[in-house]
Amino acid sequence: MADHDKELEHLFAQARDARDVFPDNLAVRIETDAEAVRLARSAHKRRRTWRDRMNVIGGWHGVSGLVAASAAGIWIGFSAPAFLPDPADYFVSQDATYLVADLNLDENYLEDAE
């Protein structure tokens, strides 16, 4: 067993001592190729168009879904069902004191401000 260990250790020592020799111009060729790839990638960059932005959402299917949902929201907002209160009444026909009273706040701070 000890002989096998010595042979193995001798092989490892030889492997540590032996260095791979690369061609002299290998580093130059690698750097030249990397620079060419970098320049090619930067040349292909372009501005984002509406089509690119629309593809992020999901194409025509996604945009049409967003348009339909927006139209339904606007429709429900303007012609709400009878059991829902009309939100426009809160802003148009009521005065500010009624809105403050609706918030159930302590109104003493208003007297201090005057």
Protein backbone atom coordinates (compact mmCIF):
# COMPACT_ATOMS: atom_id res chain seq x y z
CA MET A 1 0.00 0.00 0.00
CA ALA A 2 2.80 2.40 0.80
CA ASP A 3 4.37 1.83 -2.63
CA HIS A 4 1.16 2.86 -4.36
CA ASP A 5 1.03 6.02 -2.24
CA LYS A 6 4.61 6.89 -3.15
CA GLU A 7 3.93 6.33 -6.85
CA LEU A 8 0.81 8.45 -6.63
CA GLU A 9 2.65 11.20 -4.77
CA HIS A 10 5.40 11.09 -7.41
CA LEU A 11 2.77 11.50 -10.18
CA PHE A 12 1.20 14.44 -8.34
CA ALA A 13 4.61 16.10 -7.94
CA GLN A 14 5.28 15.71 -11.66
CA ALA A 15 1.88 17.24 -12.45
CA ARG A 16 2.57 20.20 -10.15
CA ASP A 17 5.97 20.81 -11.70
CA ALA A 18 4.77 20.56 -15.29
CA ARG A 19 3.20 23.79 -16.44
CA ASP A 20 1.07 24.00 -19.53
CA VAL A 21 2.58 26.23 -22.13
CA PHE A 22 0.17 28.35 -24.11
CA PRO A 23 1.00 30.09 -27.35
CA ASP A 24 2.41 33.57 -26.91
CA ASN A 25 -0.37 35.32 -28.79
CA LEU A 26 -3.26 33.47 -27.09
CA ALA A 27 -4.02 36.30 -24.65
CA VAL A 28 -3.94 38.84 -27.48
CA ARG A 29 -6.33 36.74 -29.58
CA ILE A 30 -8.73 36.32 -26.63
CA GLU A 31 -8.76 40.06 -25.92
CA THR A 32 -9.21 40.91 -29.60
CA ASP A 33 -12.14 38.50 -29.90
CA ALA A 34 -13.74 39.84 -26.71
CA GLU A 35 -13.45 43.42 -27.97
CA ALA A 36 -15.02 42.46 -31.31
CA VAL A 37 -17.96 40.80 -29.54
CA ARG A 38 -18.43 43.81 -27.26
CA LEU A 39 -18.46 46.21 -30.20
CA ALA A 40 -20.90 44.03 -32.13
CA ARG A 41 -23.31 43.93 -29.20
CA SER A 42 -23.14 47.68 -28.65
CA ALA A 43 -23.78 48.32 -32.36
CA HIS A 44 -27.03 46.34 -32.23
CA LYS A 45 -28.54 48.36 -29.39
CA ARG A 46 -31.52 50.37 -30.51
CA ARG A 47 -34.22 52.51 -29.03
CA ARG A 48 -37.24 50.86 -27.51
CA THR A 49 -40.27 51.20 -29.70
CA TRP A 50 -43.95 50.99 -28.89
CA ARG A 51 -43.91 47.42 -30.18
CA ASP A 52 -41.23 46.46 -27.66
CA ARG A 53 -43.18 48.04 -24.82
CA MET A 54 -46.35 46.34 -25.95
CA ASN A 55 -44.58 42.96 -26.06
CA VAL A 56 -43.57 43.43 -22.42
CA ILE A 57 -47.26 43.71 -21.49
CA GLY A 58 -48.15 40.65 -23.54
CA GLY A 59 -48.66 41.87 -27.08
CA TRP A 60 -52.04 42.72 -28.55
CA HIS A 61 -53.77 40.28 -26.20
CA GLY A 62 -52.44 42.00 -23.10
CA VAL A 63 -53.15 45.48 -24.42
CA SER A 64 -56.69 44.56 -25.43
CA GLY A 65 -57.30 43.10 -21.97
CA LEU A 66 -56.06 46.29 -20.33
CA VAL A 67 -58.27 48.40 -22.61
CA ALA A 68 -61.33 46.25 -21.83
CA ALA A 69 -60.68 46.39 -18.08
CA SER A 70 -60.16 50.16 -18.22
CA ALA A 71 -63.36 50.67 -20.21
CA ALA A 72 -65.31 48.50 -17.74
CA GLY A 73 -63.89 50.50 -14.82
CA ILE A 74 -64.85 53.79 -16.40
CA TRP A 75 -68.31 52.48 -17.25
CA ILE A 76 -68.92 51.23 -13.71
CA GLY A 77 -67.54 54.48 -12.31
CA PHE A 78 -69.90 56.68 -14.28
CA SER A 79 -73.01 54.51 -14.11
CA ALA A 80 -72.72 52.70 -10.81
CA PRO A 81 -75.40 50.20 -9.77
CA ALA A 82 -78.25 51.55 -7.62
CA PHE A 83 -77.06 49.88 -4.42
CA LEU A 84 -73.68 51.70 -4.56
CA PRO A 85 -73.43 55.36 -3.51
CA ASP A 86 -72.52 57.85 -6.21
CA PRO A 87 -68.97 59.06 -5.44
CA ALA A 88 -69.53 62.30 -7.37
CA ASP A 89 -72.09 63.40 -4.76
CA TYR A 90 -69.38 63.50 -2.11
CA PHE A 91 -67.42 66.10 -4.04
CA VAL A 92 -70.13 68.15 -5.76
CA SER A 93 -73.14 68.62 -3.51
CA GLN A 94 -71.66 68.58 0.00
CA ASP A 95 -69.64 71.14 1.85
CA ALA A 96 -66.33 70.57 3.58
CA THR A 97 -67.74 70.52 7.13
CA TYR A 98 -69.88 67.53 6.31
CA LEU A 99 -66.83 65.72 4.94
CA VAL A 100 -64.87 66.43 8.13
CA ALA A 101 -67.79 65.20 10.23
CA ASP A 102 -67.90 62.05 8.12
CA LEU A 103 -64.34 61.25 9.10
CA ASN A 104 -65.30 61.03 12.82
CA LEU A 105 -62.38 63.20 13.84
CA ASP A 106 -62.18 65.32 16.92
CA GLU A 107 -63.11 68.80 15.74
CA ASN A 108 -61.37 70.62 18.59
CA TYR A 109 -58.20 70.96 16.59
CA LEU A 110 -60.11 73.17 14.12
CA GLU A 111 -60.90 75.69 16.86
CA ASP A 112 -57.25 75.89 17.88
CA ALA A 113 -56.19 76.65 14.32
CA GLU A 114 -58.44 79.72 14.06
